[in-house]
Amino acid sequence: MVTWSTGSVAAQCHNFVEDIPTVLSGTALIDLARRKMEFVKKYTGDTNVSESNISDVYQGPILNLTIAETFKTMNAIGADVNSISLGDLSISKGGESNLIAAGNAFESMAMTELKAVGRRSASYKSLGE
């Protein structure tokens, strides 16, 4: 089991996504990863997740959420491209921005992975009757 940091997530994201604008690389990409790590931490209720300690259970969802946010941010700043291809996933420009479509696809994959991991629940007994 190898733990990642938000820097590791950002580096993997940079490896997967081609043509990331310089405005998004480096610290900005690490900040995106940090925000997605915080989302996963709150979603799952696992307080052991931190910037320097992302276990293998959460690496996929955090990476996919960071990739999704990267695509959506690239679209917002006007860095649209004609097609996106990552492994078997290929999306060509059509009616909507291919970056938005790719971002939505990665976000959907991440949420499916998070649902499989589950959430921690806590119950409390109130004082009184």
N, C-alpha and C. Protein backbone atom coordinates (compact mmCIF):
# COMPACT_ATOMS: atom_id res chain seq x y z
N MET A 1 0.84 -1.18 0.00
CA MET A 1 0.00 0.00 0.00
C MET A 1 0.89 1.25 0.00
N VAL A 2 0.80 2.03 -1.05
CA VAL A 2 1.58 3.25 -1.18
C VAL A 2 0.63 4.44 -1.00
N THR A 3 0.96 5.32 -0.09
CA THR A 3 0.12 6.50 0.09
C THR A 3 0.61 7.61 -0.83
N TRP A 4 -0.33 8.42 -1.24
CA TRP A 4 -0.04 9.57 -2.09
C TRP A 4 -0.23 10.84 -1.29
N SER A 5 0.30 11.92 -1.84
CA SER A 5 0.03 13.26 -1.33
C SER A 5 -0.77 14.00 -2.40
N THR A 6 -1.21 15.21 -2.10
CA THR A 6 -1.92 15.98 -3.12
C THR A 6 -0.97 16.31 -4.28
N GLY A 7 0.31 16.41 -4.00
CA GLY A 7 1.29 16.61 -5.07
C GLY A 7 1.36 15.41 -6.00
N SER A 8 1.23 14.20 -5.44
CA SER A 8 1.21 12.98 -6.25
C SER A 8 -0.02 12.95 -7.15
N VAL A 9 -1.17 13.36 -6.59
CA VAL A 9 -2.40 13.41 -7.37
C VAL A 9 -2.24 14.40 -8.52
N ALA A 10 -1.68 15.57 -8.23
CA ALA A 10 -1.47 16.59 -9.26
C ALA A 10 -0.53 16.08 -10.35
N ALA A 11 0.52 15.37 -9.96
CA ALA A 11 1.47 14.83 -10.94
C ALA A 11 0.80 13.79 -11.82
N GLN A 12 -0.01 12.90 -11.23
CA GLN A 12 -0.73 11.90 -12.02
C GLN A 12 -1.73 12.57 -12.96
N CYS A 13 -2.41 13.59 -12.47
CA CYS A 13 -3.36 14.32 -13.30
C CYS A 13 -2.64 14.94 -14.50
N HIS A 14 -1.49 15.51 -14.24
CA HIS A 14 -0.70 16.14 -15.31
C HIS A 14 -0.27 15.10 -16.34
N ASN A 15 0.00 13.87 -15.88
CA ASN A 15 0.37 12.78 -16.80
C ASN A 15 -0.80 12.35 -17.67
N PHE A 16 -2.01 12.38 -17.12
CA PHE A 16 -3.20 11.93 -17.86
C PHE A 16 -3.75 12.98 -18.81
N VAL A 17 -3.73 14.23 -18.41
CA VAL A 17 -4.38 15.29 -19.18
C VAL A 17 -3.33 16.03 -20.00
N GLU A 18 -3.52 16.01 -21.31
CA GLU A 18 -2.58 16.70 -22.20
C GLU A 18 -2.91 18.19 -22.27
N ASP A 19 -1.92 18.98 -22.56
CA ASP A 19 -2.06 20.41 -22.83
C ASP A 19 -2.70 21.20 -21.68
N ILE A 20 -2.31 20.88 -20.45
CA ILE A 20 -2.79 21.67 -19.33
C ILE A 20 -2.11 23.04 -19.43
N PRO A 21 -2.90 24.11 -19.43
CA PRO A 21 -2.30 25.45 -19.53
C PRO A 21 -1.40 25.74 -18.32
N THR A 22 -0.40 26.55 -18.53
CA THR A 22 0.53 26.85 -17.45
C THR A 22 -0.16 27.50 -16.25
N VAL A 23 -1.25 28.21 -16.50
CA VAL A 23 -1.98 28.84 -15.40
C VAL A 23 -2.56 27.80 -14.45
N LEU A 24 -2.73 26.56 -14.92
CA LEU A 24 -3.28 25.48 -14.09
C LEU A 24 -2.22 24.53 -13.57
N SER A 25 -1.02 24.58 -14.07
CA SER A 25 -0.01 23.62 -13.63
C SER A 25 0.63 24.08 -12.33
N GLY A 26 1.37 23.20 -11.71
CA GLY A 26 2.08 23.53 -10.47
C GLY A 26 1.15 23.68 -9.29
N THR A 27 1.29 24.80 -8.59
CA THR A 27 0.54 25.05 -7.37
C THR A 27 -0.96 25.04 -7.59
N ALA A 28 -1.42 25.57 -8.70
CA ALA A 28 -2.86 25.59 -8.97
C ALA A 28 -3.43 24.18 -9.08
N LEU A 29 -2.70 23.27 -9.69
CA LEU A 29 -3.15 21.89 -9.82
C LEU A 29 -3.12 21.19 -8.46
N ILE A 30 -2.13 21.48 -7.67
CA ILE A 30 -2.07 20.92 -6.31
C ILE A 30 -3.24 21.43 -5.48
N ASP A 31 -3.60 22.71 -5.65
CA ASP A 31 -4.76 23.27 -4.94
C ASP A 31 -6.06 22.58 -5.37
N LEU A 32 -6.21 22.28 -6.66
CA LEU A 32 -7.37 21.52 -7.13
C LEU A 32 -7.42 20.15 -6.45
N ALA A 33 -6.28 19.48 -6.40
CA ALA A 33 -6.20 18.16 -5.76
C ALA A 33 -6.54 18.26 -4.27
N ARG A 34 -6.07 19.32 -3.63
CA ARG A 34 -6.34 19.53 -2.20
C ARG A 34 -7.83 19.71 -1.96
N ARG A 35 -8.49 20.48 -2.81
CA ARG A 35 -9.94 20.69 -2.66
C ARG A 35 -10.71 19.39 -2.86
N LYS A 36 -10.28 18.58 -3.82
CA LYS A 36 -10.96 17.31 -4.07
C LYS A 36 -10.69 16.32 -2.94
N MET A 37 -9.49 16.38 -2.36
CA MET A 37 -9.17 15.54 -1.20
C MET A 37 -10.08 15.92 -0.03
N GLU A 38 -10.30 17.21 0.18
CA GLU A 38 -11.19 17.67 1.25
C GLU A 38 -12.63 17.22 0.99
N PHE A 39 -13.07 17.26 -0.26
CA PHE A 39 -14.40 16.78 -0.60
C PHE A 39 -14.55 15.31 -0.23
N VAL A 40 -13.56 14.49 -0.61
CA VAL A 40 -13.61 13.05 -0.33
C VAL A 40 -13.58 12.82 1.18
N LYS A 41 -12.79 13.58 1.88
CA LYS A 41 -12.70 13.46 3.34
C LYS A 41 -14.07 13.74 3.98
N LYS A 42 -14.73 14.80 3.53
CA LYS A 42 -16.05 15.14 4.07
C LYS A 42 -17.11 14.14 3.62
N TYR A 43 -17.04 13.71 2.38
CA TYR A 43 -18.02 12.77 1.83
C TYR A 43 -17.98 11.45 2.57
N THR A 44 -16.77 10.94 2.81
CA THR A 44 -16.63 9.63 3.45
C THR A 44 -16.65 9.70 4.97
N GLY A 45 -16.31 10.85 5.52
CA GLY A 45 -16.23 10.97 6.98
C GLY A 45 -14.93 10.41 7.54
N ASP A 46 -13.99 10.08 6.68
CA ASP A 46 -12.71 9.52 7.12
C ASP A 46 -11.74 10.65 7.43
N THR A 47 -11.49 10.88 8.70
CA THR A 47 -10.62 11.98 9.12
C THR A 47 -9.14 11.64 8.96
N ASN A 48 -8.81 10.42 8.58
CA ASN A 48 -7.41 10.03 8.37
C ASN A 48 -6.87 10.48 7.03
N VAL A 49 -7.72 10.95 6.15
CA VAL A 49 -7.28 11.43 4.84
C VAL A 49 -6.69 12.83 5.03
N SER A 50 -5.48 13.03 4.54
CA SER A 50 -4.84 14.34 4.65
C SER A 50 -4.02 14.61 3.39
N GLU A 51 -3.49 15.82 3.29
CA GLU A 51 -2.71 16.22 2.12
C GLU A 51 -1.51 15.32 1.87
N SER A 52 -0.94 14.76 2.93
CA SER A 52 0.24 13.92 2.77
C SER A 52 -0.06 12.44 3.00
N ASN A 53 -1.33 12.10 3.19
CA ASN A 53 -1.68 10.71 3.49
C ASN A 53 -2.99 10.33 2.80
N ILE A 54 -2.90 10.01 1.52
CA ILE A 54 -4.06 9.56 0.75
C ILE A 54 -3.86 8.07 0.47
N SER A 55 -4.66 7.25 1.15
CA SER A 55 -4.51 5.80 0.99
C SER A 55 -5.01 5.36 -0.38
N ASP A 56 -4.63 4.14 -0.75
CA ASP A 56 -4.99 3.63 -2.07
C ASP A 56 -6.50 3.54 -2.29
N VAL A 57 -7.27 3.45 -1.24
CA VAL A 57 -8.73 3.39 -1.36
C VAL A 57 -9.29 4.68 -1.97
N TYR A 58 -8.66 5.81 -1.65
CA TYR A 58 -9.17 7.11 -2.08
C TYR A 58 -8.41 7.70 -3.27
N GLN A 59 -7.32 7.09 -3.67
CA GLN A 59 -6.50 7.66 -4.74
C GLN A 59 -7.26 7.78 -6.05
N GLY A 60 -7.97 6.73 -6.45
CA GLY A 60 -8.73 6.75 -7.71
C GLY A 60 -9.80 7.84 -7.72
N PRO A 61 -10.66 7.87 -6.69
CA PRO A 61 -11.69 8.92 -6.69
C PRO A 61 -11.11 10.34 -6.66
N ILE A 62 -10.08 10.56 -5.86
CA ILE A 62 -9.50 11.90 -5.78
C ILE A 62 -8.84 12.27 -7.11
N LEU A 63 -8.15 11.32 -7.74
CA LEU A 63 -7.53 11.59 -9.04
C LEU A 63 -8.61 11.89 -10.08
N ASN A 64 -9.66 11.08 -10.13
CA ASN A 64 -10.72 11.30 -11.12
C ASN A 64 -11.44 12.62 -10.89
N LEU A 65 -11.67 12.99 -9.63
CA LEU A 65 -12.30 14.28 -9.34
C LEU A 65 -11.38 15.43 -9.74
N THR A 66 -10.08 15.26 -9.52
CA THR A 66 -9.12 16.31 -9.90
C THR A 66 -9.05 16.44 -11.41
N ILE A 67 -9.06 15.32 -12.13
CA ILE A 67 -9.07 15.36 -13.59
C ILE A 67 -10.34 16.05 -14.08
N ALA A 68 -11.48 15.70 -13.48
CA ALA A 68 -12.75 16.32 -13.87
C ALA A 68 -12.70 17.83 -13.67
N GLU A 69 -12.20 18.25 -12.53
CA GLU A 69 -12.12 19.69 -12.24
C GLU A 69 -11.12 20.38 -13.16
N THR A 70 -10.05 19.69 -13.52
CA THR A 70 -9.06 20.24 -14.45
C THR A 70 -9.70 20.51 -15.81
N PHE A 71 -10.45 19.52 -16.32
CA PHE A 71 -11.14 19.71 -17.60
C PHE A 71 -12.12 20.88 -17.54
N LYS A 72 -12.89 20.94 -16.48
CA LYS A 72 -13.89 22.00 -16.35
C LYS A 72 -13.24 23.37 -16.22
N THR A 73 -12.13 23.43 -15.52
CA THR A 73 -11.40 24.70 -15.39
C THR A 73 -10.77 25.09 -16.72
N MET A 74 -10.23 24.12 -17.44
CA MET A 74 -9.67 24.40 -18.76
C MET A 74 -10.76 24.97 -19.67
N ASN A 75 -11.95 24.44 -19.58
CA ASN A 75 -13.06 24.95 -20.38
C ASN A 75 -13.39 26.38 -19.97
N ALA A 76 -13.39 26.64 -18.67
CA ALA A 76 -13.74 27.97 -18.17
C ALA A 76 -12.75 29.04 -18.61
N ILE A 77 -11.48 28.65 -18.74
CA ILE A 77 -10.47 29.64 -19.15
C ILE A 77 -10.25 29.66 -20.66
N GLY A 78 -11.04 28.84 -21.38
CA GLY A 78 -10.97 28.88 -22.84
C GLY A 78 -9.89 28.03 -23.45
N ALA A 79 -9.49 26.97 -22.78
CA ALA A 79 -8.45 26.09 -23.31
C ALA A 79 -9.05 24.86 -23.97
N ASP A 80 -10.15 25.04 -24.68
CA ASP A 80 -10.85 23.92 -25.30
C ASP A 80 -10.00 23.33 -26.43
N VAL A 81 -10.15 22.03 -26.63
CA VAL A 81 -9.44 21.33 -27.69
C VAL A 81 -10.46 20.52 -28.49
N ASN A 82 -10.04 19.96 -29.62
CA ASN A 82 -10.97 19.24 -30.49
C ASN A 82 -11.40 17.88 -29.96
N SER A 83 -10.50 17.16 -29.31
CA SER A 83 -10.87 15.85 -28.78
C SER A 83 -10.03 15.54 -27.55
N ILE A 84 -10.59 14.68 -26.71
CA ILE A 84 -9.91 14.22 -25.51
C ILE A 84 -9.81 12.71 -25.62
N SER A 85 -8.64 12.16 -25.36
CA SER A 85 -8.46 10.72 -25.41
C SER A 85 -7.60 10.28 -24.24
N LEU A 86 -8.17 9.44 -23.37
CA LEU A 86 -7.45 8.88 -22.24
C LEU A 86 -7.70 7.37 -22.23
N GLY A 87 -6.75 6.61 -22.65
CA GLY A 87 -6.93 5.17 -22.72
C GLY A 87 -8.06 4.81 -23.67
N ASP A 88 -9.05 4.08 -23.16
CA ASP A 88 -10.19 3.68 -23.99
C ASP A 88 -11.24 4.76 -24.11
N LEU A 89 -11.18 5.77 -23.25
CA LEU A 89 -12.16 6.86 -23.28
C LEU A 89 -11.74 7.88 -24.33
N SER A 90 -12.61 8.16 -25.28
CA SER A 90 -12.34 9.15 -26.31
C SER A 90 -13.60 9.97 -26.53
N ILE A 91 -13.47 11.28 -26.42
CA ILE A 91 -14.60 12.17 -26.59
C ILE A 91 -14.22 13.22 -27.62
N SER A 92 -15.01 13.33 -28.69
CA SER A 92 -14.77 14.32 -29.74
C SER A 92 -15.74 15.47 -29.58
N LYS A 93 -15.32 16.61 -30.08
CA LYS A 93 -16.14 17.81 -29.96
C LYS A 93 -17.48 17.60 -30.66
N GLY A 94 -18.52 17.96 -29.97
CA GLY A 94 -19.87 17.82 -30.51
C GLY A 94 -20.69 19.02 -30.11
N GLY A 95 -21.90 18.76 -29.60
CA GLY A 95 -22.80 19.84 -29.24
C GLY A 95 -22.34 20.65 -28.04
N GLU A 96 -21.67 20.00 -27.10
CA GLU A 96 -21.15 20.74 -25.96
C GLU A 96 -19.64 20.60 -25.94
N SER A 97 -19.00 21.34 -25.09
CA SER A 97 -17.56 21.30 -25.01
C SER A 97 -17.09 19.90 -24.65
N ASN A 98 -16.10 19.41 -25.35
CA ASN A 98 -15.58 18.09 -25.03
C ASN A 98 -14.92 18.08 -23.66
N LEU A 99 -14.42 19.22 -23.21
CA LEU A 99 -13.83 19.29 -21.88
C LEU A 99 -14.89 19.10 -20.81
N ILE A 100 -16.06 19.70 -21.01
CA ILE A 100 -17.15 19.53 -20.05
C ILE A 100 -17.62 18.08 -20.05
N ALA A 101 -17.77 17.49 -21.24
CA ALA A 101 -18.21 16.09 -21.33
C ALA A 101 -17.20 15.16 -20.66
N ALA A 102 -15.92 15.39 -20.91
CA ALA A 102 -14.89 14.56 -20.28
C ALA A 102 -14.89 14.78 -18.77
N GLY A 103 -15.03 16.02 -18.34
CA GLY A 103 -15.08 16.32 -16.91
C GLY A 103 -16.26 15.62 -16.24
N ASN A 104 -17.41 15.65 -16.89
CA ASN A 104 -18.59 14.98 -16.34
C ASN A 104 -18.38 13.47 -16.27
N ALA A 105 -17.71 12.90 -17.27
CA ALA A 105 -17.45 11.46 -17.27
C ALA A 105 -16.54 11.07 -16.11
N PHE A 106 -15.49 11.84 -15.89
CA PHE A 106 -14.58 11.54 -14.79
C PHE A 106 -15.23 11.77 -13.43
N GLU A 107 -16.06 12.78 -13.33
CA GLU A 107 -16.76 13.03 -12.07
C GLU A 107 -17.72 11.87 -11.77
N SER A 108 -18.39 11.38 -12.78
CA SER A 108 -19.30 10.25 -12.60
C SER A 108 -18.54 9.00 -12.16
N MET A 109 -17.38 8.74 -12.77
CA MET A 109 -16.56 7.59 -12.37
C MET A 109 -16.13 7.73 -10.92
N ALA A 110 -15.71 8.93 -10.52
CA ALA A 110 -15.24 9.15 -9.16
C ALA A 110 -16.36 8.94 -8.15
N MET A 111 -17.54 9.44 -8.45
CA MET A 111 -18.66 9.28 -7.52
C MET A 111 -19.08 7.82 -7.41
N THR A 112 -19.00 7.06 -8.50
CA THR A 112 -19.28 5.63 -8.44
C THR A 112 -18.28 4.93 -7.54
N GLU A 113 -16.99 5.30 -7.66
CA GLU A 113 -15.95 4.73 -6.81
C GLU A 113 -16.19 5.09 -5.34
N LEU A 114 -16.57 6.33 -5.08
CA LEU A 114 -16.82 6.76 -3.70
C LEU A 114 -18.02 6.04 -3.10
N LYS A 115 -19.05 5.81 -3.89
CA LYS A 115 -20.21 5.07 -3.38
C LYS A 115 -19.82 3.65 -3.02
N ALA A 116 -18.89 3.07 -3.78
CA ALA A 116 -18.42 1.72 -3.48
C ALA A 116 -17.63 1.69 -2.17
N VAL A 117 -16.89 2.77 -1.89
CA VAL A 117 -16.12 2.86 -0.65
C VAL A 117 -17.08 3.02 0.52
N GLY A 118 -18.11 3.82 0.34
CA GLY A 118 -19.10 4.04 1.39
C GLY A 118 -18.77 5.23 2.27
N ARG A 119 -19.66 5.46 3.20
CA ARG A 119 -19.51 6.56 4.14
C ARG A 119 -19.47 6.02 5.54
N ARG A 120 -18.76 6.72 6.41
CA ARG A 120 -18.77 6.38 7.82
C ARG A 120 -19.98 7.04 8.44
N SER A 121 -20.61 6.33 9.31
CA SER A 121 -21.75 6.93 9.98
C SER A 121 -21.54 6.89 11.47
N ALA A 122 -22.13 7.82 12.13
CA ALA A 122 -22.06 7.90 13.58
C ALA A 122 -23.44 8.18 14.11
N SER A 123 -23.73 7.60 15.23
CA SER A 123 -25.01 7.88 15.88
C SER A 123 -24.75 8.25 17.32
N TYR A 124 -25.58 9.14 17.81
CA TYR A 124 -25.43 9.63 19.16
C TYR A 124 -26.76 9.49 19.89
N LYS A 125 -26.66 9.18 21.17
CA LYS A 125 -27.86 9.11 21.98
C LYS A 125 -27.96 10.42 22.72
N SER A 126 -29.10 11.05 22.58
CA SER A 126 -29.29 12.32 23.28
C SER A 126 -29.65 12.08 24.72
N LEU A 127 -29.34 13.04 25.55
CA LEU A 127 -29.68 12.95 26.97
C LEU A 127 -31.17 13.25 27.13
N GLY A 128 -31.75 12.62 28.06
CA GLY A 128 -33.17 12.88 28.31
C GLY A 128 -33.98 11.63 28.07
N GLU A 129 -35.20 11.83 27.75
CA GLU A 129 -36.13 10.71 27.60
C GLU A 129 -35.88 9.89 26.38
